[in-house]
Amino acid sequence: MPDITEIVDSYIAAWNETDPQRRRTLVERTFSADASYLDPLMSGQGVEGIDAMIATAQQQFPGYPFSLAAGPDAHHDRVRFSWSLALDGGEPVARGLDFALIAEDGRLRAVTGFLEGQ
């Protein structure tokens, strides 16, 4: 089972990967087949739905990379971490805090995102 830092790093990498095949590979490595993602603006179900959701977010914010702002902080099958979305050290256009449940195989089973300031 991957350690939680590796899986959160893979999660951030999936959000940043613009090549569709490499992104899909990262999503499959990061999320269980039946995973779900939900935040105030979007949702995705399963690997295919989460991959499509990430592609949509990338179209809305082209060139804006996600970065880990704090964490991960984990216990049992729970993890939380915060992130930001900004260009080259500029002011973030978005910040958030994600909570996730970890599947038995170590991948993310469910992610709930909260946007700061929303």
Protein backbone atom coordinates (compact mmCIF):
# COMPACT_ATOMS: atom_id res chain seq x y z
CA MET A 1 0.00 0.00 0.00
CA PRO A 2 1.43 3.44 -0.93
CA ASP A 3 2.07 5.83 1.91
CA ILE A 4 -0.30 8.78 2.30
CA THR A 5 2.26 11.38 1.21
CA GLU A 6 2.78 9.49 -2.05
CA ILE A 7 -0.95 9.25 -2.73
CA VAL A 8 -1.54 12.96 -2.02
CA ASP A 9 1.44 13.84 -4.25
CA SER A 10 -0.11 11.66 -6.96
CA TYR A 11 -3.46 13.43 -6.42
CA ILE A 12 -1.86 16.86 -6.94
CA ALA A 13 0.06 15.52 -9.95
CA ALA A 14 -3.18 14.25 -11.52
CA TRP A 15 -4.74 17.71 -11.22
CA ASN A 16 -1.66 19.19 -12.93
CA GLU A 17 -1.14 16.60 -15.70
CA THR A 18 -2.46 17.94 -19.02
CA ASP A 19 -1.56 14.95 -21.18
CA PRO A 20 -4.79 12.89 -21.21
CA GLN A 21 -3.10 9.46 -21.14
CA ARG A 22 -0.66 10.35 -18.36
CA ARG A 23 -3.45 12.04 -16.39
CA ARG A 24 -5.66 8.96 -16.71
CA THR A 25 -2.79 6.78 -15.45
CA LEU A 26 -2.34 9.08 -12.44
CA VAL A 27 -6.09 9.07 -11.72
CA GLU A 28 -6.14 5.25 -11.85
CA ARG A 29 -3.11 5.09 -9.54
CA THR A 30 -4.62 7.61 -7.10
CA PHE A 31 -8.35 6.76 -6.97
CA SER A 32 -10.10 3.43 -6.45
CA ALA A 33 -12.33 2.30 -9.32
CA ASP A 34 -15.50 3.28 -7.43
CA ALA A 35 -14.12 6.56 -6.03
CA SER A 36 -16.11 9.77 -5.82
CA TYR A 37 -15.15 13.44 -5.73
CA LEU A 38 -17.40 16.29 -4.60
CA ASP A 39 -16.79 19.99 -4.06
CA PRO A 40 -19.09 23.04 -4.27
CA LEU A 41 -18.53 23.44 -8.02
CA MET A 42 -18.08 19.97 -9.49
CA SER A 43 -18.26 16.25 -8.92
CA GLY A 44 -16.96 13.08 -10.46
CA GLN A 45 -17.79 9.40 -10.05
CA GLY A 46 -15.32 6.62 -10.77
CA VAL A 47 -12.00 6.95 -12.56
CA GLU A 48 -13.60 8.08 -15.81
CA GLY A 49 -15.77 10.73 -14.16
CA ILE A 50 -12.93 12.09 -12.02
CA ASP A 51 -10.59 12.21 -15.02
CA ALA A 52 -13.19 14.13 -17.05
CA MET A 53 -13.81 16.51 -14.14
CA ILE A 54 -10.09 17.29 -13.85
CA ALA A 55 -9.89 17.93 -17.62
CA THR A 56 -12.78 20.40 -17.30
CA ALA A 57 -11.05 22.24 -14.43
CA GLN A 58 -7.86 22.46 -16.50
CA GLN A 59 -9.84 24.06 -19.34
CA GLN A 60 -11.26 26.64 -16.92
CA PHE A 61 -7.82 27.52 -15.50
CA PRO A 62 -5.28 26.76 -18.26
CA GLY A 63 -1.70 26.87 -17.06
CA TYR A 64 -2.60 27.25 -13.38
CA PRO A 65 -0.92 24.51 -11.36
CA PHE A 66 -2.22 23.11 -8.09
CA SER A 67 0.26 22.92 -5.24
CA LEU A 68 0.08 21.35 -1.82
CA ALA A 69 -0.24 24.12 0.78
CA ALA A 70 -0.39 22.02 3.96
CA GLY A 71 -0.50 18.39 4.98
CA PRO A 72 -1.22 15.68 4.50
CA ASP A 73 -2.52 14.96 7.97
CA ALA A 74 -3.85 11.41 8.30
CA HIS A 75 -5.17 8.88 10.77
CA HIS A 76 -6.97 5.59 10.30
CA ASP A 77 -8.59 5.75 6.86
CA ARG A 78 -8.92 9.57 6.80
CA VAL A 79 -6.69 12.28 5.37
CA ARG A 80 -6.87 16.04 4.98
CA PHE A 81 -4.67 18.49 3.12
CA SER A 82 -4.93 21.97 1.69
CA TRP A 83 -3.94 23.23 -1.73
CA SER A 84 -3.72 26.41 -3.78
CA LEU A 85 -4.05 27.24 -7.46
CA ALA A 86 -1.69 30.00 -8.62
CA LEU A 87 0.58 31.03 -11.46
CA ASP A 88 4.34 31.08 -10.71
CA GLY A 89 4.19 32.22 -7.11
CA GLY A 90 1.46 34.77 -7.76
CA GLU A 91 -1.64 35.23 -5.67
CA PRO A 92 -3.80 32.11 -5.71
CA VAL A 93 -7.02 32.25 -7.70
CA ALA A 94 -8.34 29.46 -5.48
CA ARG A 95 -7.51 27.73 -2.21
CA GLY A 96 -9.11 24.73 -0.66
CA LEU A 97 -9.10 22.00 1.91
CA ASP A 98 -9.79 18.41 0.90
CA PHE A 99 -10.85 15.53 3.13
CA ALA A 100 -10.55 11.99 1.82
CA LEU A 101 -11.32 8.41 2.78
CA ILE A 102 -8.66 5.85 1.96
CA ALA A 103 -9.63 2.51 0.42
CA GLU A 104 -8.12 -0.73 1.74
CA ASP A 105 -5.65 -0.76 -1.16
CA GLY A 106 -4.33 2.70 -0.18
CA ARG A 107 -5.96 4.70 -2.96
CA LEU A 108 -8.50 7.46 -2.44
CA ARG A 109 -12.06 6.19 -2.11
CA ALA A 110 -13.93 9.47 -1.58
CA VAL A 111 -12.76 13.09 -1.65
CA THR A 112 -14.77 16.05 -0.41
CA GLY A 113 -13.34 19.44 -1.25
CA PHE A 114 -14.04 22.76 0.42
CA LEU A 115 -13.09 26.04 -1.24
CA GLU A 116 -11.78 28.75 1.05
CA GLY A 117 -13.80 31.92 0.95
CA GLN A 118 -16.85 30.17 -0.50
